[in-house]
PDB file of N, CA and C in Angstrom:
ATOM      1  N   MET A   1      37.853 -33.626 -16.304  1.00  0.00           N
ATOM      2  CA  MET A   1      38.972 -33.999 -17.102  1.00  0.00           C
ATOM      3  C   MET A   1      39.608 -34.883 -15.936  1.00  0.00           C
ATOM      4  N   HIS A   2      40.133 -35.568 -16.648  1.00  0.00           N
ATOM      5  CA  HIS A   2      41.333 -36.885 -16.326  1.00  0.00           C
ATOM      6  C   HIS A   2      43.171 -36.626 -16.368  1.00  0.00           C
ATOM      7  N   TRP A   3      43.142 -35.676 -15.459  1.00  0.00           N
ATOM      8  CA  TRP A   3      44.754 -35.158 -15.393  1.00  0.00           C
ATOM      9  C   TRP A   3      45.738 -36.210 -15.353  1.00  0.00           C
ATOM     10  N   SER A   4      45.479 -37.338 -14.599  1.00  0.00           N
ATOM     11  CA  SER A   4      46.398 -38.579 -14.591  1.00  0.00           C
ATOM     12  C   SER A   4      46.478 -38.981 -16.002  1.00  0.00           C
ATOM     13  N   ARG A   5      45.292 -39.178 -16.489  1.00  0.00           N
ATOM     14  CA  ARG A   5      45.276 -40.102 -17.992  1.00  0.00           C
ATOM     15  C   ARG A   5      46.359 -38.914 -18.692  1.00  0.00           C
ATOM     16  N   ILE A   6      45.974 -37.604 -18.913  1.00  0.00           N
ATOM     17  CA  ILE A   6      46.537 -36.710 -19.761  1.00  0.00           C
ATOM     18  C   ILE A   6      48.281 -36.714 -19.266  1.00  0.00           C
ATOM     19  N   LYS A   7      48.221 -36.600 -18.167  1.00  0.00           N
ATOM     20  CA  LYS A   7      49.874 -36.802 -17.584  1.00  0.00           C
ATOM     21  C   LYS A   7      50.582 -38.176 -18.098  1.00  0.00           C
ATOM     22  N   ARG A   8      49.811 -39.218 -18.028  1.00  0.00           N
ATOM     23  CA  ARG A   8      50.223 -40.657 -18.307  1.00  0.00           C
ATOM     24  C   ARG A   8      50.587 -40.556 -19.901  1.00  0.00           C
ATOM     25  N   GLN A   9      49.761 -40.086 -20.662  1.00  0.00           N
ATOM     26  CA  GLN A   9      49.696 -39.969 -21.990  1.00  0.00           C
ATOM     27  C   GLN A   9      51.143 -39.237 -22.546  1.00  0.00           C
ATOM     28  N   GLN A  10      51.033 -37.903 -21.611  1.00  0.00           N
ATOM     29  CA  GLN A  10      52.213 -37.010 -22.004  1.00  0.00           C
ATOM     30  C   GLN A  10      53.517 -37.967 -21.901  1.00  0.00           C
ATOM     31  N   ASP A  11      53.410 -38.558 -20.872  1.00  0.00           N
ATOM     32  CA  ASP A  11      54.633 -39.204 -20.344  1.00  0.00           C
ATOM     33  C   ASP A  11      55.250 -40.200 -21.328  1.00  0.00           C
ATOM     34  N   GLU A  12      53.877 -40.554 -21.634  1.00  0.00           N
ATOM     35  CA  GLU A  12      54.035 -42.078 -22.854  1.00  0.00           C
ATOM     36  C   GLU A  12      54.984 -41.254 -23.971  1.00  0.00           C
ATOM     37  N   MET A  13      54.057 -39.992 -24.419  1.00  0.00           N
ATOM     38  CA  MET A  13      54.560 -39.804 -25.697  1.00  0.00           C
ATOM     39  C   MET A  13      56.197 -39.031 -25.372  1.00  0.00           C
ATOM     40  N   ASN A  14      56.539 -38.618 -24.697  1.00  0.00           N
ATOM     41  CA  ASN A  14      57.972 -38.281 -23.965  1.00  0.00           C
ATOM     42  C   ASN A  14      58.711 -39.357 -24.220  1.00  0.00           C
ATOM     43  N   MET A  15      58.298 -40.583 -23.416  1.00  0.00           N
ATOM     44  CA  MET A  15      59.268 -41.485 -23.717  1.00  0.00           C
ATOM     45  C   MET A  15      59.358 -42.169 -24.899  1.00  0.00           C
ATOM     46  N   VAL A  16      58.281 -42.204 -25.826  1.00  0.00           N
ATOM     47  CA  VAL A  16      58.512 -42.449 -27.189  1.00  0.00           C
ATOM     48  C   VAL A  16      59.433 -41.786 -27.903  1.00  0.00           C
ATOM     49  N   GLN A  17      59.485 -40.370 -27.866  1.00  0.00           N
ATOM     50  CA  GLN A  17      60.074 -39.375 -28.541  1.00  0.00           C
ATOM     51  C   GLN A  17      61.498 -39.632 -28.036  1.00  0.00           C
ATOM     52  N   ASN A  18      61.842 -39.539 -26.872  1.00  0.00           N
ATOM     53  CA  ASN A  18      63.094 -39.856 -26.431  1.00  0.00           C
ATOM     54  C   ASN A  18      63.796 -41.602 -26.501  1.00  0.00           C
ATOM     55  N   GLY A  19      62.701 -42.325 -26.648  1.00  0.00           N
ATOM     56  CA  GLY A  19      63.423 -43.732 -27.010  1.00  0.00           C
ATOM     57  C   GLY A  19      63.625 -43.811 -28.336  1.00  0.00           C
ATOM     58  N   HIS A  20      63.059 -43.476 -29.451  1.00  0.00           N
ATOM     59  CA  HIS A  20      63.176 -43.512 -30.775  1.00  0.00           C
ATOM     60  C   HIS A  20      64.375 -42.646 -31.045  1.00  0.00           C
TER      61      HIS A  20
END
């Protein structure tokens, strides 16, 4: 399990939702 990858993806998703 790559938590770093999951956290990064979650952060990107959050950024996209926030930026949209």
